[in-house]
Amino acid sequence: MSDLRIKTCVLGAVSTNCYILYNCASKEAVIVDPGDNAPYIMNKCRELDVKPVAVALTHGHFDHILAVPELRRSFHVPVYASAVEDAMLADTSLNLSGTCDSEPTSFHADELLRDGQEFTLLGLNWKLIATPGHTAGSACYYIADEGVLLAGDTLFADSYGRTDLPTGSASQLVESILDKLFALPEDTMVYPGHGDPTTIGHEKQFNPVTFYRRHTL
């Protein structure tokens, strides 16, 4: 049985999924997309008796990043993100924290990752898959040995991310999903930025993105 566990915290005004991935043997954790309420996330880590070693971001929208500065200060951990998205993290007009009813949030990531880059966290091999479309620097994290994909707002259960916000592109989103994500094993568990988990196999059959390409591209 794997030592990896995944705790879902639904946070903020738009019910964003923040994931605490942790190794139940080493008690190390990675916090993915901490969108709000840093004290709640810190309390969950205490309840799970885990020590965060990193924060990983799928993209830069406010509802995925608001808790990052406080968590980084409290835990003294690096922040991972796509290098393409770093400009959005630092710009309150692009990440929308300056225009929504939230605290303006601006920072730079510590670990800037490129498409296909592999790295190790929790004793596991992670791979960043660049999936532009929802934003220019949107990315997913794939943990192949665990069959896990952290998809952010690129792919949802029976749906997909919006593309009408800054740096979004509908054509890029469709290509990212069909050409990159749907190439993964069908039993890959998908943990999206909003809503319930799904699998690549289910989405290949039922996600409406397949009809988008057929009828519009």
N, C-alpha and C. Protein backbone atom coordinates (compact mmCIF):
# COMPACT_ATOMS: atom_id res chain seq x y z
N MET A 1 0.84 -1.20 0.00
CA MET A 1 0.00 0.00 0.00
C MET A 1 0.87 1.25 0.00
N SER A 2 0.51 2.21 -0.76
CA SER A 2 1.27 3.44 -0.88
C SER A 2 1.25 4.22 0.43
N ASP A 3 2.33 4.98 0.66
CA ASP A 3 2.38 5.86 1.84
C ASP A 3 1.76 7.23 1.56
N LEU A 4 1.35 7.49 0.30
CA LEU A 4 0.79 8.79 -0.05
C LEU A 4 -0.67 8.87 0.36
N ARG A 5 -1.03 9.98 0.99
CA ARG A 5 -2.41 10.28 1.31
C ARG A 5 -2.73 11.68 0.78
N ILE A 6 -3.99 11.92 0.47
CA ILE A 6 -4.42 13.21 -0.06
C ILE A 6 -5.63 13.70 0.74
N LYS A 7 -5.48 14.86 1.37
CA LYS A 7 -6.55 15.49 2.11
C LYS A 7 -7.05 16.69 1.33
N THR A 8 -8.35 16.75 1.09
CA THR A 8 -8.96 17.86 0.36
C THR A 8 -9.56 18.86 1.32
N CYS A 9 -9.21 20.14 1.13
CA CYS A 9 -9.81 21.24 1.89
C CYS A 9 -10.50 22.15 0.88
N VAL A 10 -11.79 22.37 1.05
CA VAL A 10 -12.54 23.24 0.15
C VAL A 10 -12.60 24.62 0.79
N LEU A 11 -12.02 25.61 0.11
CA LEU A 11 -11.77 26.90 0.73
C LEU A 11 -12.25 28.06 -0.13
N GLY A 12 -12.56 29.17 0.53
CA GLY A 12 -12.78 30.43 -0.15
C GLY A 12 -14.16 30.62 -0.74
N ALA A 13 -14.31 31.79 -1.36
CA ALA A 13 -15.61 32.22 -1.86
C ALA A 13 -16.12 31.39 -3.03
N VAL A 14 -15.22 30.74 -3.78
CA VAL A 14 -15.65 29.96 -4.94
C VAL A 14 -15.33 28.48 -4.77
N SER A 15 -15.21 28.04 -3.51
CA SER A 15 -15.05 26.61 -3.18
C SER A 15 -13.91 25.96 -3.96
N THR A 16 -12.72 26.47 -3.74
CA THR A 16 -11.53 25.94 -4.40
C THR A 16 -10.97 24.76 -3.62
N ASN A 17 -10.55 23.74 -4.33
CA ASN A 17 -9.91 22.58 -3.70
C ASN A 17 -8.44 22.87 -3.41
N CYS A 18 -8.09 22.87 -2.15
CA CYS A 18 -6.70 22.87 -1.72
C CYS A 18 -6.39 21.45 -1.28
N TYR A 19 -5.28 20.92 -1.76
CA TYR A 19 -4.92 19.54 -1.44
C TYR A 19 -3.67 19.52 -0.55
N ILE A 20 -3.75 18.74 0.51
CA ILE A 20 -2.58 18.45 1.33
C ILE A 20 -2.17 17.03 1.01
N LEU A 21 -1.09 16.88 0.26
CA LEU A 21 -0.54 15.56 -0.03
C LEU A 21 0.52 15.26 1.01
N TYR A 22 0.46 14.09 1.61
CA TYR A 22 1.45 13.80 2.64
C TYR A 22 1.85 12.33 2.62
N ASN A 23 3.08 12.11 3.05
CA ASN A 23 3.63 10.78 3.20
C ASN A 23 3.38 10.34 4.63
N CYS A 24 2.55 9.33 4.81
CA CYS A 24 2.17 8.95 6.16
C CYS A 24 3.30 8.28 6.92
N ALA A 25 4.39 7.94 6.23
CA ALA A 25 5.56 7.37 6.90
C ALA A 25 6.52 8.47 7.35
N SER A 26 6.87 9.38 6.43
CA SER A 26 7.82 10.44 6.76
C SER A 26 7.16 11.64 7.42
N LYS A 27 5.83 11.76 7.28
CA LYS A 27 5.05 12.87 7.85
C LYS A 27 5.37 14.20 7.16
N GLU A 28 5.91 14.14 5.95
CA GLU A 28 6.12 15.34 5.16
C GLU A 28 4.90 15.60 4.28
N ALA A 29 4.65 16.89 3.98
CA ALA A 29 3.47 17.25 3.21
C ALA A 29 3.79 18.32 2.17
N VAL A 30 2.99 18.31 1.11
CA VAL A 30 3.01 19.37 0.10
C VAL A 30 1.60 19.95 0.02
N ILE A 31 1.50 21.26 0.08
CA ILE A 31 0.21 21.93 0.00
C ILE A 31 0.03 22.45 -1.41
N VAL A 32 -1.02 22.00 -2.07
CA VAL A 32 -1.28 22.38 -3.46
C VAL A 32 -2.45 23.35 -3.52
N ASP A 33 -2.22 24.50 -4.12
CA ASP A 33 -3.24 25.53 -4.34
C ASP A 33 -3.95 25.98 -3.05
N PRO A 34 -3.20 26.57 -2.13
CA PRO A 34 -3.82 27.09 -0.90
C PRO A 34 -4.53 28.41 -1.17
N GLY A 35 -5.80 28.32 -1.51
CA GLY A 35 -6.53 29.47 -2.04
C GLY A 35 -7.03 30.46 -1.03
N ASP A 36 -7.07 30.08 0.25
CA ASP A 36 -7.61 30.99 1.25
C ASP A 36 -7.39 30.36 2.63
N ASN A 37 -7.58 31.19 3.67
CA ASN A 37 -7.67 30.70 5.04
C ASN A 37 -6.45 29.90 5.49
N ALA A 38 -5.31 30.57 5.50
CA ALA A 38 -4.07 29.91 5.93
C ALA A 38 -4.17 29.30 7.32
N PRO A 39 -4.83 29.95 8.30
CA PRO A 39 -4.93 29.32 9.63
C PRO A 39 -5.64 27.96 9.58
N TYR A 40 -6.66 27.84 8.75
CA TYR A 40 -7.36 26.56 8.62
C TYR A 40 -6.42 25.49 8.06
N ILE A 41 -5.66 25.85 7.04
CA ILE A 41 -4.72 24.89 6.44
C ILE A 41 -3.66 24.48 7.46
N MET A 42 -3.15 25.44 8.19
CA MET A 42 -2.14 25.13 9.21
C MET A 42 -2.71 24.21 10.28
N ASN A 43 -3.95 24.45 10.67
CA ASN A 43 -4.58 23.59 11.66
C ASN A 43 -4.77 22.17 11.13
N LYS A 44 -5.13 22.04 9.85
CA LYS A 44 -5.27 20.72 9.25
C LYS A 44 -3.95 19.97 9.26
N CYS A 45 -2.87 20.69 8.98
CA CYS A 45 -1.55 20.06 9.02
C CYS A 45 -1.22 19.56 10.42
N ARG A 46 -1.60 20.35 11.44
CA ARG A 46 -1.38 19.91 12.82
C ARG A 46 -2.23 18.68 13.14
N GLU A 47 -3.49 18.69 12.69
CA GLU A 47 -4.36 17.54 12.93
C GLU A 47 -3.81 16.27 12.29
N LEU A 48 -3.25 16.43 11.09
CA LEU A 48 -2.68 15.28 10.37
C LEU A 48 -1.29 14.91 10.88
N ASP A 49 -0.73 15.79 11.72
CA ASP A 49 0.61 15.60 12.27
C ASP A 49 1.64 15.50 11.14
N VAL A 50 1.57 16.48 10.22
CA VAL A 50 2.51 16.50 9.09
C VAL A 50 3.23 17.84 9.04
N LYS A 51 4.41 17.81 8.43
CA LYS A 51 5.24 19.00 8.29
C LYS A 51 5.31 19.37 6.81
N PRO A 52 4.74 20.51 6.41
CA PRO A 52 4.84 20.94 5.01
C PRO A 52 6.30 21.20 4.61
N VAL A 53 6.64 20.73 3.41
CA VAL A 53 7.98 20.96 2.87
C VAL A 53 7.94 21.80 1.59
N ALA A 54 6.73 22.06 1.06
CA ALA A 54 6.61 22.86 -0.16
C ALA A 54 5.15 23.25 -0.37
N VAL A 55 4.98 24.31 -1.14
CA VAL A 55 3.68 24.70 -1.69
C VAL A 55 3.80 24.60 -3.20
N ALA A 56 2.82 23.97 -3.85
CA ALA A 56 2.82 23.84 -5.31
C ALA A 56 1.57 24.48 -5.88
N LEU A 57 1.74 25.28 -6.92
CA LEU A 57 0.62 26.01 -7.51
C LEU A 57 0.38 25.54 -8.94
N THR A 58 -0.89 25.33 -9.27
CA THR A 58 -1.24 24.98 -10.64
C THR A 58 -1.38 26.20 -11.53
N HIS A 59 -1.77 27.34 -10.95
CA HIS A 59 -1.85 28.58 -11.70
C HIS A 59 -2.01 29.73 -10.71
N GLY A 60 -2.12 30.95 -11.26
CA GLY A 60 -2.01 32.12 -10.41
C GLY A 60 -3.27 32.84 -10.02
N HIS A 61 -4.44 32.33 -10.30
CA HIS A 61 -5.66 33.05 -9.93
C HIS A 61 -5.80 33.17 -8.41
N PHE A 62 -6.41 34.26 -7.98
CA PHE A 62 -6.50 34.60 -6.56
C PHE A 62 -7.04 33.46 -5.70
N ASP A 63 -8.00 32.72 -6.23
CA ASP A 63 -8.65 31.69 -5.41
C ASP A 63 -7.79 30.44 -5.24
N HIS A 64 -6.58 30.47 -5.80
CA HIS A 64 -5.64 29.37 -5.61
C HIS A 64 -4.37 29.81 -4.88
N ILE A 65 -4.25 31.10 -4.55
CA ILE A 65 -2.97 31.59 -4.03
C ILE A 65 -3.06 32.45 -2.78
N LEU A 66 -4.23 32.84 -2.33
CA LEU A 66 -4.34 33.86 -1.28
C LEU A 66 -3.61 33.48 0.00
N ALA A 67 -3.55 32.20 0.33
CA ALA A 67 -2.91 31.78 1.58
C ALA A 67 -1.40 31.58 1.45
N VAL A 68 -0.87 31.73 0.24
CA VAL A 68 0.56 31.40 0.02
C VAL A 68 1.50 32.24 0.88
N PRO A 69 1.39 33.57 0.90
CA PRO A 69 2.38 34.34 1.67
C PRO A 69 2.43 33.94 3.14
N GLU A 70 1.28 33.75 3.77
CA GLU A 70 1.27 33.39 5.18
C GLU A 70 1.84 31.99 5.40
N LEU A 71 1.51 31.05 4.53
CA LEU A 71 2.04 29.70 4.68
C LEU A 71 3.55 29.68 4.47
N ARG A 72 4.02 30.43 3.49
CA ARG A 72 5.47 30.46 3.24
C ARG A 72 6.21 31.05 4.43
N ARG A 73 5.64 32.10 5.04
CA ARG A 73 6.28 32.68 6.23
C ARG A 73 6.24 31.73 7.41
N SER A 74 5.12 31.05 7.59
CA SER A 74 4.94 30.20 8.77
C SER A 74 5.77 28.93 8.70
N PHE A 75 5.81 28.32 7.52
CA PHE A 75 6.48 27.03 7.39
C PHE A 75 7.89 27.12 6.79
N HIS A 76 8.25 28.30 6.25
CA HIS A 76 9.57 28.49 5.64
C HIS A 76 9.81 27.46 4.53
N VAL A 77 8.84 27.40 3.62
CA VAL A 77 8.89 26.40 2.55
C VAL A 77 8.94 27.10 1.19
N PRO A 78 9.53 26.45 0.18
CA PRO A 78 9.55 27.02 -1.17
C PRO A 78 8.21 26.86 -1.86
N VAL A 79 7.94 27.77 -2.80
CA VAL A 79 6.74 27.74 -3.61
C VAL A 79 7.13 27.31 -5.03
N TYR A 80 6.46 26.28 -5.53
CA TYR A 80 6.69 25.76 -6.88
C TYR A 80 5.58 26.26 -7.82
N ALA A 81 5.97 26.64 -9.03
CA ALA A 81 4.98 27.05 -10.04
C ALA A 81 5.66 27.03 -11.41
N SER A 82 4.84 27.04 -12.44
CA SER A 82 5.38 27.16 -13.79
C SER A 82 6.06 28.51 -13.96
N ALA A 83 7.20 28.52 -14.62
CA ALA A 83 7.91 29.76 -14.87
C ALA A 83 7.07 30.74 -15.67
N VAL A 84 6.21 30.21 -16.54
CA VAL A 84 5.37 31.07 -17.37
C VAL A 84 4.36 31.83 -16.52
N GLU A 85 3.99 31.28 -15.37
CA GLU A 85 2.93 31.87 -14.54
C GLU A 85 3.47 32.86 -13.51
N ASP A 86 4.77 32.97 -13.39
CA ASP A 86 5.32 33.81 -12.32
C ASP A 86 4.90 35.26 -12.44
N ALA A 87 4.77 35.76 -13.66
CA ALA A 87 4.34 37.15 -13.85
C ALA A 87 2.93 37.36 -13.30
N MET A 88 2.06 36.37 -13.46
CA MET A 88 0.70 36.49 -12.94
C MET A 88 0.69 36.48 -11.42
N LEU A 89 1.54 35.66 -10.82
CA LEU A 89 1.60 35.61 -9.36
C LEU A 89 1.96 36.97 -8.77
N ALA A 90 2.75 37.74 -9.49
CA ALA A 90 3.24 39.02 -9.00
C ALA A 90 2.36 40.20 -9.37
N ASP A 91 1.35 39.99 -10.18
CA ASP A 91 0.52 41.09 -10.71
C ASP A 91 -0.91 40.95 -10.20
N THR A 92 -1.33 41.84 -9.35
CA THR A 92 -2.66 41.72 -8.74
C THR A 92 -3.79 41.91 -9.73
N SER A 93 -3.53 42.59 -10.85
CA SER A 93 -4.58 42.74 -11.86
C SER A 93 -4.73 41.47 -12.68
N LEU A 94 -3.61 40.76 -12.92
CA LEU A 94 -3.68 39.50 -13.65
C LEU A 94 -4.21 38.36 -12.79
N ASN A 95 -3.76 38.30 -11.53
CA ASN A 95 -4.23 37.20 -10.67
C ASN A 95 -5.59 37.50 -10.05
N LEU A 96 -6.10 38.70 -10.32
CA LEU A 96 -7.46 39.12 -9.95
C LEU A 96 -7.64 39.40 -8.47
N SER A 97 -6.58 39.29 -7.69
CA SER A 97 -6.73 39.59 -6.26
C SER A 97 -6.91 41.08 -6.03
N GLY A 98 -6.54 41.89 -7.00
CA GLY A 98 -6.73 43.32 -6.86
C GLY A 98 -8.10 43.80 -7.29
N THR A 99 -8.87 42.93 -7.94
CA THR A 99 -10.19 43.33 -8.43
C THR A 99 -11.33 42.60 -7.75
N CYS A 100 -11.03 41.49 -7.07
CA CYS A 100 -12.06 40.75 -6.35
C CYS A 100 -12.07 41.20 -4.89
N ASP A 101 -13.09 40.77 -4.19
CA ASP A 101 -13.22 41.13 -2.77
C ASP A 101 -12.28 40.26 -1.95
N SER A 102 -10.99 40.51 -2.11
CA SER A 102 -9.99 39.71 -1.42
C SER A 102 -8.76 40.57 -1.18
N GLU A 103 -7.84 40.06 -0.39
CA GLU A 103 -6.60 40.77 -0.10
C GLU A 103 -5.70 40.77 -1.33
N PRO A 104 -5.27 41.95 -1.83
CA PRO A 104 -4.33 41.97 -2.95
C PRO A 104 -3.09 41.14 -2.61
N THR A 105 -2.76 40.20 -3.50
CA THR A 105 -1.69 39.25 -3.22
C THR A 105 -0.70 39.24 -4.36
N SER A 106 0.57 39.44 -4.02
CA SER A 106 1.63 39.52 -5.02
C SER A 106 2.89 38.88 -4.46
N PHE A 107 3.46 37.95 -5.22
CA PHE A 107 4.71 37.31 -4.80
C PHE A 107 5.31 36.61 -6.01
N HIS A 108 6.54 36.14 -5.87
CA HIS A 108 7.19 35.32 -6.88
C HIS A 108 7.40 33.92 -6.33
N ALA A 109 7.32 32.93 -7.20
CA ALA A 109 7.61 31.56 -6.79
C ALA A 109 9.11 31.39 -6.57
N ASP A 110 9.45 30.40 -5.77
CA ASP A 110 10.86 30.10 -5.49
C ASP A 110 11.43 29.11 -6.50
N GLU A 111 10.62 28.15 -6.91
CA GLU A 111 11.04 27.12 -7.86
C GLU A 111 10.22 27.30 -9.13
N LEU A 112 10.86 27.81 -10.18
CA LEU A 112 10.18 28.06 -11.44
C LEU A 112 10.43 26.88 -12.38
N LEU A 113 9.35 26.21 -12.74
CA LEU A 113 9.45 24.94 -13.45
C LEU A 113 9.11 25.09 -14.93
N ARG A 114 9.74 24.29 -15.76
CA ARG A 114 9.45 24.28 -17.19
C ARG A 114 8.61 23.05 -17.54
N ASP A 115 8.03 23.06 -18.71
CA ASP A 115 7.20 21.94 -19.16
C ASP A 115 8.01 20.65 -19.19
N GLY A 116 7.48 19.62 -18.56
CA GLY A 116 8.14 18.33 -18.54
C GLY A 116 9.18 18.16 -17.46
N GLN A 117 9.42 19.20 -16.68
CA GLN A 117 10.45 19.11 -15.64
C GLN A 117 10.02 18.15 -14.54
N GLU A 118 10.94 17.30 -14.12
CA GLU A 118 10.69 16.36 -13.04
C GLU A 118 11.46 16.78 -11.79
N PHE A 119 10.87 16.50 -10.65
CA PHE A 119 11.48 16.85 -9.37
C PHE A 119 10.93 15.91 -8.31
N THR A 120 11.56 15.91 -7.16
CA THR A 120 11.19 14.97 -6.11
C THR A 120 10.62 15.69 -4.90
N LEU A 121 9.43 15.26 -4.47
CA LEU A 121 8.82 15.72 -3.23
C LEU A 121 8.14 14.52 -2.58
N LEU A 122 8.18 14.45 -1.27
CA LEU A 122 7.56 13.36 -0.51
C LEU A 122 8.14 12.00 -0.88
N GLY A 123 9.37 12.00 -1.40
CA GLY A 123 9.98 10.75 -1.82
C GLY A 123 9.43 10.22 -3.12
N LEU A 124 8.70 11.05 -3.85
CA LEU A 124 8.06 10.64 -5.10
C LEU A 124 8.52 11.52 -6.25
N ASN A 125 8.48 10.98 -7.45
CA ASN A 125 8.81 11.74 -8.65
C ASN A 125 7.58 12.49 -9.15
N TRP A 126 7.67 13.81 -9.21
CA TRP A 126 6.62 14.67 -9.74
C TRP A 126 7.06 15.18 -11.11
N LYS A 127 6.08 15.44 -11.96
CA LYS A 127 6.36 16.01 -13.28
C LYS A 127 5.39 17.15 -13.54
N LEU A 128 5.92 18.30 -13.95
CA LEU A 128 5.06 19.40 -14.34
C LEU A 128 4.67 19.26 -15.80
N ILE A 129 3.39 19.28 -16.06
CA ILE A 129 2.86 19.26 -17.44
C ILE A 129 2.25 20.62 -17.71
N ALA A 130 2.85 21.38 -18.61
CA ALA A 130 2.31 22.68 -18.97
C ALA A 130 0.99 22.49 -19.72
N THR A 131 -0.05 23.14 -19.23
CA THR A 131 -1.37 23.01 -19.86
C THR A 131 -1.99 24.39 -20.04
N PRO A 132 -1.41 25.20 -20.92
CA PRO A 132 -1.96 26.55 -21.13
C PRO A 132 -3.39 26.50 -21.64
N GLY A 133 -4.14 27.54 -21.31
CA GLY A 133 -5.52 27.63 -21.76
C GLY A 133 -6.37 28.36 -20.74
N HIS A 134 -6.46 27.82 -19.53
CA HIS A 134 -7.16 28.55 -18.46
C HIS A 134 -6.40 29.83 -18.16
N THR A 135 -5.09 29.72 -18.06
CA THR A 135 -4.16 30.84 -18.08
C THR A 135 -2.96 30.41 -18.92
N ALA A 136 -2.12 31.36 -19.27
CA ALA A 136 -0.97 31.03 -20.12
C ALA A 136 -0.01 30.07 -19.43
N GLY A 137 0.10 30.20 -18.10
CA GLY A 137 1.04 29.36 -17.37
C GLY A 137 0.41 28.27 -16.55
N SER A 138 -0.84 27.94 -16.83
CA SER A 138 -1.49 26.84 -16.11
C SER A 138 -0.70 25.55 -16.29
N ALA A 139 -0.63 24.76 -15.23
CA ALA A 139 0.12 23.52 -15.29
C ALA A 139 -0.54 22.49 -14.38
N CYS A 140 -0.26 21.23 -14.66
CA CYS A 140 -0.72 20.12 -13.84
C CYS A 140 0.50 19.40 -13.28
N TYR A 141 0.33 18.78 -12.14
CA TYR A 141 1.39 17.97 -11.53
C TYR A 141 1.00 16.50 -11.63
N TYR A 142 1.89 15.72 -12.24
CA TYR A 142 1.63 14.29 -12.45
C TYR A 142 2.59 13.47 -11.62
N ILE A 143 2.04 12.60 -10.80
CA ILE A 143 2.83 11.68 -9.99
C ILE A 143 2.56 10.29 -10.54
N ALA A 144 3.39 9.87 -11.47
CA ALA A 144 3.12 8.67 -12.26
C ALA A 144 3.02 7.41 -11.40
N ASP A 145 3.93 7.25 -10.45
CA ASP A 145 3.94 6.03 -9.65
C ASP A 145 2.68 5.87 -8.80
N GLU A 146 2.02 6.98 -8.53
CA GLU A 146 0.79 6.94 -7.74
C GLU A 146 -0.46 7.05 -8.61
N GLY A 147 -0.28 7.31 -9.91
CA GLY A 147 -1.42 7.48 -10.79
C GLY A 147 -2.27 8.68 -10.43
N VAL A 148 -1.60 9.79 -10.08
CA VAL A 148 -2.29 10.99 -9.58
C VAL A 148 -1.97 12.18 -10.47
N LEU A 149 -3.01 12.94 -10.83
CA LEU A 149 -2.85 14.19 -11.57
C LEU A 149 -3.54 15.30 -10.81
N LEU A 150 -2.79 16.33 -10.45
CA LEU A 150 -3.35 17.52 -9.82
C LEU A 150 -3.59 18.53 -10.93
N ALA A 151 -4.86 18.71 -11.30
CA ALA A 151 -5.19 19.33 -12.58
C ALA A 151 -5.53 20.81 -12.50
N GLY A 152 -5.61 21.38 -11.31
CA GLY A 152 -5.97 22.79 -11.22
C GLY A 152 -7.29 23.07 -11.90
N ASP A 153 -7.35 24.18 -12.64
CA ASP A 153 -8.59 24.54 -13.34
C ASP A 153 -8.52 24.21 -14.83
N THR A 154 -7.64 23.30 -15.21
CA THR A 154 -7.59 22.86 -16.59
C THR A 154 -8.69 21.85 -16.89
N LEU A 155 -8.80 20.83 -16.07
CA LEU A 155 -9.75 19.73 -16.31
C LEU A 155 -10.57 19.48 -15.05
N PHE A 156 -11.89 19.46 -15.22
CA PHE A 156 -12.81 19.15 -14.13
C PHE A 156 -13.56 17.85 -14.46
N ALA A 157 -14.28 17.34 -13.48
CA ALA A 157 -15.17 16.21 -13.74
C ALA A 157 -16.28 16.66 -14.68
N ASP A 158 -16.31 16.10 -15.88
CA ASP A 158 -17.33 16.40 -16.89
C ASP A 158 -17.34 17.87 -17.31
N SER A 159 -16.22 18.54 -17.16
CA SER A 159 -16.14 19.94 -17.56
C SER A 159 -14.67 20.33 -17.73
N TYR A 160 -14.44 21.61 -17.96
CA TYR A 160 -13.08 22.11 -18.15
C TYR A 160 -13.05 23.59 -17.79
N GLY A 161 -11.85 24.15 -17.69
CA GLY A 161 -11.70 25.50 -17.19
C GLY A 161 -12.19 26.57 -18.14
N ARG A 162 -12.57 27.71 -17.54
CA ARG A 162 -12.98 28.85 -18.34
C ARG A 162 -11.76 29.50 -18.98
N THR A 163 -11.99 30.25 -20.05
CA THR A 163 -10.87 30.83 -20.78
C THR A 163 -11.06 32.32 -21.06
N ASP A 164 -12.01 32.95 -20.35
CA ASP A 164 -12.34 34.35 -20.61
C ASP A 164 -11.65 35.31 -19.66
N LEU A 165 -10.70 34.82 -18.86
CA LEU A 165 -9.97 35.67 -17.94
C LEU A 165 -8.59 35.97 -18.52
N PRO A 166 -7.84 36.91 -17.93
CA PRO A 166 -6.54 37.30 -18.52
C PRO A 166 -5.64 36.12 -18.84
N THR A 167 -5.08 36.14 -20.02
CA THR A 167 -4.15 35.17 -20.62
C THR A 167 -4.81 33.84 -20.98
N GLY A 168 -6.13 33.74 -20.90
CA GLY A 168 -6.82 32.50 -21.26
C GLY A 168 -6.92 32.32 -22.77
N SER A 169 -7.04 31.06 -23.20
CA SER A 169 -7.17 30.74 -24.62
C SER A 169 -7.94 29.44 -24.77
N ALA A 170 -9.10 29.49 -25.41
CA ALA A 170 -9.91 28.29 -25.59
C ALA A 170 -9.21 27.25 -26.44
N SER A 171 -8.57 27.67 -27.51
CA SER A 171 -7.92 26.70 -28.39
C SER A 171 -6.76 26.02 -27.68
N GLN A 172 -6.00 26.78 -26.88
CA GLN A 172 -4.90 26.18 -26.13
C GLN A 172 -5.42 25.20 -25.07
N LEU A 173 -6.51 25.55 -24.43
CA LEU A 173 -7.06 24.66 -23.41
C LEU A 173 -7.46 23.32 -24.00
N VAL A 174 -8.13 23.35 -25.13
CA VAL A 174 -8.55 22.11 -25.78
C VAL A 174 -7.34 21.27 -26.15
N GLU A 175 -6.32 21.90 -26.72
CA GLU A 175 -5.11 21.16 -27.08
C GLU A 175 -4.43 20.58 -25.85
N SER A 176 -4.38 21.35 -24.77
CA SER A 176 -3.74 20.87 -23.55
C SER A 176 -4.42 19.61 -23.02
N ILE A 177 -5.75 19.63 -23.01
CA ILE A 177 -6.48 18.48 -22.48
C ILE A 177 -6.39 17.28 -23.41
N LEU A 178 -6.71 17.48 -24.67
CA LEU A 178 -6.79 16.35 -25.59
C LEU A 178 -5.42 15.79 -25.95
N ASP A 179 -4.43 16.65 -26.11
CA ASP A 179 -3.13 16.18 -26.56
C ASP A 179 -2.20 15.77 -25.43
N LYS A 180 -2.37 16.37 -24.26
CA LYS A 180 -1.46 16.08 -23.14
C LYS A 180 -2.13 15.24 -22.06
N LEU A 181 -3.22 15.73 -21.50
CA LEU A 181 -3.83 15.02 -20.37
C LEU A 181 -4.48 13.72 -20.80
N PHE A 182 -5.13 13.71 -21.95
CA PHE A 182 -5.79 12.48 -22.39
C PHE A 182 -4.80 11.44 -22.91
N ALA A 183 -3.52 11.80 -22.96
CA ALA A 183 -2.48 10.82 -23.30
C ALA A 183 -2.02 10.04 -22.07
N LEU A 184 -2.45 10.45 -20.88
CA LEU A 184 -2.07 9.76 -19.65
C LEU A 184 -2.88 8.47 -19.51
N PRO A 185 -2.41 7.53 -18.67
CA PRO A 185 -3.17 6.29 -18.46
C PRO A 185 -4.61 6.56 -18.02
N GLU A 186 -5.53 5.75 -18.50
CA GLU A 186 -6.94 6.01 -18.23
C GLU A 186 -7.32 5.87 -16.76
N ASP A 187 -6.55 5.11 -16.00
CA ASP A 187 -6.86 4.96 -14.59
C ASP A 187 -6.25 6.05 -13.72
N THR A 188 -5.64 7.05 -14.35
CA THR A 188 -5.09 8.17 -13.59
C THR A 188 -6.20 8.91 -12.85
N MET A 189 -6.02 9.09 -11.54
CA MET A 189 -6.98 9.85 -10.74
C MET A 189 -6.70 11.34 -10.92
N VAL A 190 -7.74 12.08 -11.25
CA VAL A 190 -7.64 13.51 -11.50
C VAL A 190 -8.23 14.27 -10.31
N TYR A 191 -7.41 15.13 -9.72
CA TYR A 191 -7.85 15.97 -8.61
C TYR A 191 -7.93 17.41 -9.11
N PRO A 192 -9.14 17.89 -9.39
CA PRO A 192 -9.30 19.21 -10.02
C PRO A 192 -9.32 20.35 -9.01
N GLY A 193 -9.26 21.57 -9.54
CA GLY A 193 -9.28 22.75 -8.69
C GLY A 193 -10.62 23.04 -8.07
N HIS A 194 -11.67 22.49 -8.64
CA HIS A 194 -13.03 22.65 -8.10
C HIS A 194 -13.79 21.36 -8.36
N GLY A 195 -14.65 20.98 -7.45
CA GLY A 195 -15.50 19.82 -7.68
C GLY A 195 -14.85 18.50 -7.30
N ASP A 196 -15.48 17.42 -7.75
CA ASP A 196 -15.10 16.08 -7.33
C ASP A 196 -13.96 15.50 -8.18
N PRO A 197 -13.22 14.54 -7.62
CA PRO A 197 -12.21 13.83 -8.40
C PRO A 197 -12.84 13.04 -9.55
N THR A 198 -12.02 12.71 -10.52
CA THR A 198 -12.50 11.92 -11.66
C THR A 198 -11.31 11.09 -12.16
N THR A 199 -11.45 10.48 -13.31
CA THR A 199 -10.35 9.75 -13.93
C THR A 199 -10.18 10.20 -15.37
N ILE A 200 -8.98 9.98 -15.89
CA ILE A 200 -8.74 10.31 -17.30
C ILE A 200 -9.66 9.48 -18.19
N GLY A 201 -9.84 8.21 -17.87
CA GLY A 201 -10.71 7.36 -18.69
C GLY A 201 -12.13 7.87 -18.76
N HIS A 202 -12.66 8.29 -17.62
CA HIS A 202 -14.03 8.83 -17.62
C HIS A 202 -14.11 10.09 -18.48
N GLU A 203 -13.14 10.97 -18.33
CA GLU A 203 -13.20 12.23 -19.06
C GLU A 203 -13.01 12.03 -20.56
N LYS A 204 -12.21 11.06 -20.95
CA LYS A 204 -12.07 10.78 -22.38
C LYS A 204 -13.40 10.34 -22.99
N GLN A 205 -14.25 9.72 -22.21
CA GLN A 205 -15.55 9.27 -22.70
C GLN A 205 -16.61 10.35 -22.64
N PHE A 206 -16.60 11.15 -21.57
CA PHE A 206 -17.77 11.98 -21.29
C PHE A 206 -17.51 13.48 -21.25
N ASN A 207 -16.26 13.90 -21.22
CA ASN A 207 -16.02 15.34 -21.11
C ASN A 207 -16.41 16.06 -22.40
N PRO A 208 -17.17 17.15 -22.30
CA PRO A 208 -17.62 17.86 -23.51
C PRO A 208 -16.50 18.52 -24.29
N VAL A 209 -15.28 18.57 -23.75
CA VAL A 209 -14.18 19.16 -24.49
C VAL A 209 -13.92 18.41 -25.80
N THR A 210 -14.22 17.13 -25.83
CA THR A 210 -14.02 16.36 -27.06
C THR A 210 -14.92 16.87 -28.18
N PHE A 211 -16.11 17.31 -27.85
CA PHE A 211 -17.03 17.84 -28.86
C PHE A 211 -16.65 19.25 -29.27
N TYR A 212 -15.98 19.97 -28.37
CA TYR A 212 -15.53 21.31 -28.68
C TYR A 212 -14.58 21.28 -29.87
N ARG A 213 -13.59 20.39 -29.82
CA ARG A 213 -12.63 20.32 -30.93
C ARG A 213 -13.34 19.86 -32.20
N ARG A 214 -14.20 18.88 -32.08
CA ARG A 214 -14.85 18.32 -33.26
C ARG A 214 -15.67 19.35 -34.02
N HIS A 215 -16.32 20.28 -33.26
CA HIS A 215 -17.27 21.15 -33.91
C HIS A 215 -16.77 22.58 -34.11
N THR A 216 -15.66 22.95 -33.44
CA THR A 216 -15.25 24.35 -33.53
C THR A 216 -13.84 24.55 -34.05
N LEU A 217 -13.00 23.52 -34.01
CA LEU A 217 -11.62 23.72 -34.43
C LEU A 217 -11.37 23.09 -35.77
